[in-house]
Amino acid sequence: MKTSIGDRIRTARENKQYDQIRLSVKIGIATRTLQRWEKGLQVPDSNYLLRLAKYTGVKPEWLLTGDGETYPVPQPHGKIIPFNQEISSHRIKLFEIPLLSSVPAGKTAAMFHPDHVERFITVDNIKDSSAFALIVKGKSMSPKIEDGDIVVISPHQDVRNGDICVIRVNDEDVLKKVKIDEQYVHLIPLNTNFEPVTVRKRDVMFIWKVVRVIKNL
């Protein structure tokens, strides 16, 4: 039976004979965050996944997918690779993408500045070279997306009804789930304390799809 990523994190930690406090200190997180990972309540992003693999000595591919060997195969001295060594088909491709200024998850507000890069973050398996990230401000998309979370945007991916997107309306931006019909775009919050908003298609400059949420731990 295939294990969950939380089970694999706990197994890697216990095999290294770390308690939760010690491993948390090594990878630079709060102990409660590691506890949530092991319980399956949250999933670490690629940065923390690589730190977990490093300090527990397991392969990142195994930690992420559960496939292949748990531990790296020791390499012989020199640069000779055994001919019968299998090369894993599951590879984690890491990309650096720009983190821009915030996008509101509430009422529409002044647009983010696409030319202003605050810093770069590392993500895995993003298939859009123009992808970028935004910090979420507001609570209209909670509990799935909360204030301070980071969303990764893929401008080149097709948008379908039900997708969570960044929408620019009349030079203002908002983060919402979308429903699109012939004349209107319906902006739907996930937090039931907020009301949906309907805008005309002609007032929408763009709708860009959210492809990843990185929780603010």
Protein backbone atom coordinates (compact mmCIF):
# COMPACT_ATOMS: atom_id res chain seq x y z
CA MET A 1 0.00 0.00 0.00
CA LYS A 2 1.38 3.39 -0.98
CA THR A 3 2.06 5.75 1.89
CA SER A 4 1.20 9.42 2.13
CA ILE A 5 3.84 12.14 2.06
CA GLY A 6 3.11 12.74 5.76
CA ASP A 7 3.83 9.09 6.54
CA ARG A 8 7.09 9.26 4.56
CA ILE A 9 8.23 12.40 6.39
CA ARG A 10 7.59 10.70 9.73
CA THR A 11 9.36 7.51 8.60
CA ALA A 12 12.40 9.46 7.38
CA ARG A 13 12.57 11.36 10.67
CA GLU A 14 12.24 8.26 12.85
CA ASN A 15 14.79 6.30 10.79
CA LYS A 16 17.24 9.16 11.43
CA GLN A 17 16.30 8.97 15.14
CA TYR A 18 15.25 12.62 15.26
CA ASP A 19 12.40 13.82 17.40
CA GLN A 20 10.11 16.47 15.91
CA ILE A 21 11.77 19.34 17.77
CA ARG A 22 15.28 18.47 16.58
CA LEU A 23 14.31 18.07 12.93
CA SER A 24 12.25 21.26 13.02
CA VAL A 25 15.25 23.23 14.26
CA LYS A 26 17.49 21.76 11.53
CA ILE A 27 15.20 22.74 8.66
CA GLY A 28 14.18 26.09 10.18
CA ILE A 29 10.47 25.68 10.88
CA ALA A 30 8.15 25.62 13.89
CA THR A 31 7.58 22.19 15.43
CA ARG A 32 3.83 22.57 14.88
CA THR A 33 4.48 22.93 11.15
CA LEU A 34 6.31 19.60 11.04
CA GLN A 35 3.47 18.06 13.03
CA ARG A 36 0.96 19.31 10.46
CA TRP A 37 3.08 17.88 7.63
CA GLU A 38 3.24 14.47 9.29
CA LYS A 39 -0.52 14.50 9.92
CA GLY A 40 -1.17 15.36 6.27
CA LEU A 41 -2.78 18.72 7.11
CA GLN A 42 -0.22 20.61 5.02
CA VAL A 43 2.33 19.75 2.34
CA PRO A 44 5.82 21.28 2.36
CA ASP A 45 6.87 23.28 -0.68
CA SER A 46 9.87 22.25 -2.75
CA ASN A 47 12.36 24.25 -0.64
CA TYR A 48 11.40 22.48 2.57
CA LEU A 49 11.06 19.15 0.79
CA LEU A 50 14.71 19.35 -0.23
CA ARG A 51 15.71 20.34 3.31
CA LEU A 52 13.81 17.37 4.72
CA ALA A 53 15.56 15.03 2.30
CA LYS A 54 18.96 16.53 3.11
CA TYR A 55 18.72 16.22 6.89
CA THR A 56 17.08 12.78 6.91
CA GLY A 57 19.31 11.33 4.18
CA VAL A 58 16.49 10.17 1.91
CA LYS A 59 15.94 10.80 -1.79
CA PRO A 60 13.72 13.83 -2.57
CA GLU A 61 11.94 11.81 -5.28
CA TRP A 62 10.93 9.15 -2.75
CA LEU A 63 9.82 11.75 -0.22
CA LEU A 64 7.63 13.47 -2.82
CA THR A 65 6.16 10.48 -4.67
CA GLY A 66 6.92 7.34 -2.65
CA ASP A 67 8.43 5.74 -5.76
CA GLY A 68 11.90 4.28 -6.14
CA GLU A 69 14.53 3.74 -3.50
CA THR A 70 14.26 5.50 -0.15
CA TYR A 71 17.98 6.20 0.15
CA PRO A 72 20.52 7.25 -2.50
CA VAL A 73 22.62 4.43 -3.93
CA PRO A 74 26.25 4.86 -2.78
CA GLN A 75 28.46 5.84 -5.70
CA PRO A 76 31.81 4.11 -6.27
CA HIS A 77 35.00 6.16 -6.10
CA GLY A 78 35.73 8.17 -9.20
CA LYS A 79 33.24 9.09 -11.89
CA ILE A 80 32.40 5.59 -13.14
CA ILE A 81 28.69 4.81 -12.91
CA PRO A 82 27.68 1.12 -12.83
CA PHE A 83 26.14 0.14 -16.16
CA ASN A 84 23.18 -1.61 -14.53
CA GLN A 85 22.26 1.31 -12.27
CA GLU A 86 18.68 2.37 -12.90
CA ILE A 87 17.98 6.04 -13.45
CA SER A 88 14.78 7.16 -11.80
CA SER A 89 12.07 8.38 -14.16
CA HIS A 90 10.70 10.63 -11.43
CA ARG A 91 12.77 13.77 -11.38
CA ILE A 92 11.99 16.93 -9.51
CA LYS A 93 12.59 19.88 -11.82
CA LEU A 94 13.13 23.06 -9.85
CA PHE A 95 12.59 26.55 -11.25
CA GLU A 96 13.17 30.03 -9.89
CA ILE A 97 10.24 32.37 -10.51
CA PRO A 98 9.78 36.03 -9.52
CA LEU A 99 7.68 36.89 -6.47
CA LEU A 100 5.88 40.13 -7.19
CA SER A 101 3.85 42.45 -5.01
CA SER A 102 0.58 41.31 -3.49
CA VAL A 103 -2.82 40.48 -4.98
CA PRO A 104 -5.97 41.13 -2.93
CA ALA A 105 -8.26 38.29 -1.90
CA GLY A 106 -11.04 40.60 -0.91
CA LYS A 107 -12.34 43.69 -2.64
CA THR A 108 -10.61 44.72 -5.82
CA ALA A 109 -7.63 46.97 -5.18
CA ALA A 110 -4.80 48.71 -6.98
CA MET A 111 -2.99 46.37 -9.35
CA PHE A 112 0.22 44.59 -8.49
CA HIS A 113 3.31 45.85 -10.25
CA PRO A 114 4.56 43.26 -12.77
CA ASP A 115 7.89 45.05 -13.14
CA HIS A 116 8.64 45.00 -9.42
CA VAL A 117 10.26 41.75 -8.27
CA GLU A 118 10.54 41.48 -4.49
CA ARG A 119 12.57 38.26 -4.62
CA PHE A 120 12.70 34.90 -6.36
CA ILE A 121 11.29 31.66 -5.01
CA THR A 122 11.96 28.05 -6.02
CA VAL A 123 9.10 25.82 -7.18
CA ASP A 124 8.98 22.42 -8.81
CA ASN A 125 7.52 21.21 -12.11
CA ILE A 126 6.11 24.46 -13.45
CA LYS A 127 5.61 24.16 -17.22
CA ASP A 128 5.30 27.87 -18.02
CA SER A 129 8.45 29.96 -18.43
CA SER A 130 6.41 33.11 -17.78
CA ALA A 131 5.06 31.88 -14.43
CA PHE A 132 5.35 34.18 -11.43
CA ALA A 133 4.13 34.31 -7.84
CA LEU A 134 2.07 36.76 -5.78
CA ILE A 135 1.50 37.20 -2.05
CA VAL A 136 -2.18 37.00 -1.09
CA LYS A 137 -3.75 39.78 0.97
CA GLY A 138 -7.21 39.32 2.45
CA LYS A 139 -9.51 36.53 3.61
CA SER A 140 -12.12 36.04 0.89
CA MET A 141 -10.48 32.82 -0.34
CA SER A 142 -9.94 31.23 3.07
CA PRO A 143 -9.59 28.59 4.31
CA LYS A 144 -8.04 27.20 1.10
CA ILE A 145 -6.00 30.34 0.40
CA GLU A 146 -5.28 32.56 3.36
CA ASP A 147 -3.74 35.96 3.98
CA GLY A 148 0.03 35.71 3.50
CA ASP A 149 -0.06 32.60 1.31
CA ILE A 150 1.73 32.67 -2.03
CA VAL A 151 -0.03 31.77 -5.28
CA VAL A 152 1.82 30.73 -8.41
CA ILE A 153 0.33 32.09 -11.63
CA SER A 154 0.62 30.52 -15.09
CA PRO A 155 -0.49 33.10 -17.70
CA HIS A 156 -0.29 30.61 -20.57
CA GLN A 157 -2.62 27.97 -19.15
CA ASP A 158 -6.22 27.84 -20.33
CA VAL A 159 -8.81 28.98 -17.80
CA ARG A 160 -11.96 26.94 -17.16
CA ASN A 161 -15.01 27.54 -15.03
CA GLY A 162 -14.19 26.73 -11.43
CA ASP A 163 -10.52 27.70 -11.67
CA ILE A 164 -9.02 30.08 -9.13
CA CYS A 165 -7.50 33.01 -10.98
CA VAL A 166 -6.07 36.50 -10.77
CA ILE A 167 -8.43 38.80 -12.66
CA ARG A 168 -7.74 42.37 -13.73
CA VAL A 169 -10.94 44.40 -14.00
CA ASN A 170 -10.85 48.08 -14.95
CA ASP A 171 -7.18 48.31 -13.93
CA GLU A 172 -7.78 46.65 -10.56
CA ASP A 173 -6.87 43.11 -9.50
CA VAL A 174 -8.56 40.43 -7.46
CA LEU A 175 -8.09 36.74 -6.63
CA LYS A 176 -11.27 34.68 -7.03
CA LYS A 177 -12.78 31.50 -8.42
CA VAL A 178 -14.28 32.27 -11.83
CA LYS A 179 -17.39 31.31 -13.74
CA ILE A 180 -17.50 32.65 -17.29
CA ASP A 181 -20.51 32.93 -19.57
CA GLU A 182 -21.16 34.74 -22.85
CA GLN A 183 -21.20 38.28 -21.49
CA TYR A 184 -20.07 38.16 -17.87
CA VAL A 185 -17.36 36.89 -15.56
CA HIS A 186 -18.57 35.91 -12.11
CA LEU A 187 -15.97 36.32 -9.34
CA ILE A 188 -16.73 33.87 -6.57
CA PRO A 189 -15.07 33.93 -3.11
CA LEU A 190 -14.50 30.68 -1.21
CA ASN A 191 -15.22 32.39 2.11
CA THR A 192 -19.01 32.50 2.50
CA ASN A 193 -18.75 35.75 4.46
CA PHE A 194 -17.96 37.50 1.17
CA GLU A 195 -20.38 38.14 -1.68
CA PRO A 196 -19.78 37.12 -5.33
CA VAL A 197 -19.23 39.90 -7.85
CA THR A 198 -20.24 39.91 -11.52
CA VAL A 199 -18.35 41.99 -14.09
CA ARG A 200 -18.71 42.46 -17.82
CA LYS A 201 -16.28 40.57 -20.03
CA ARG A 202 -15.33 43.74 -21.86
CA ASP A 203 -14.07 45.24 -18.58
CA VAL A 204 -11.71 42.31 -17.94
CA MET A 205 -8.13 42.84 -19.10
CA PHE A 206 -6.92 39.34 -18.28
CA ILE A 207 -7.71 36.17 -16.35
CA TRP A 208 -4.63 34.23 -15.24
CA LYS A 209 -4.84 30.79 -13.68
CA VAL A 210 -3.48 29.90 -10.24
CA VAL A 211 -1.58 26.60 -10.51
CA ARG A 212 0.00 26.33 -7.06
CA VAL A 213 -0.61 27.55 -3.53
CA ILE A 214 2.33 27.81 -1.11
CA LYS A 215 1.06 28.05 2.43
CA ASN A 216 2.40 30.70 4.80
CA LEU A 217 3.79 28.43 7.53
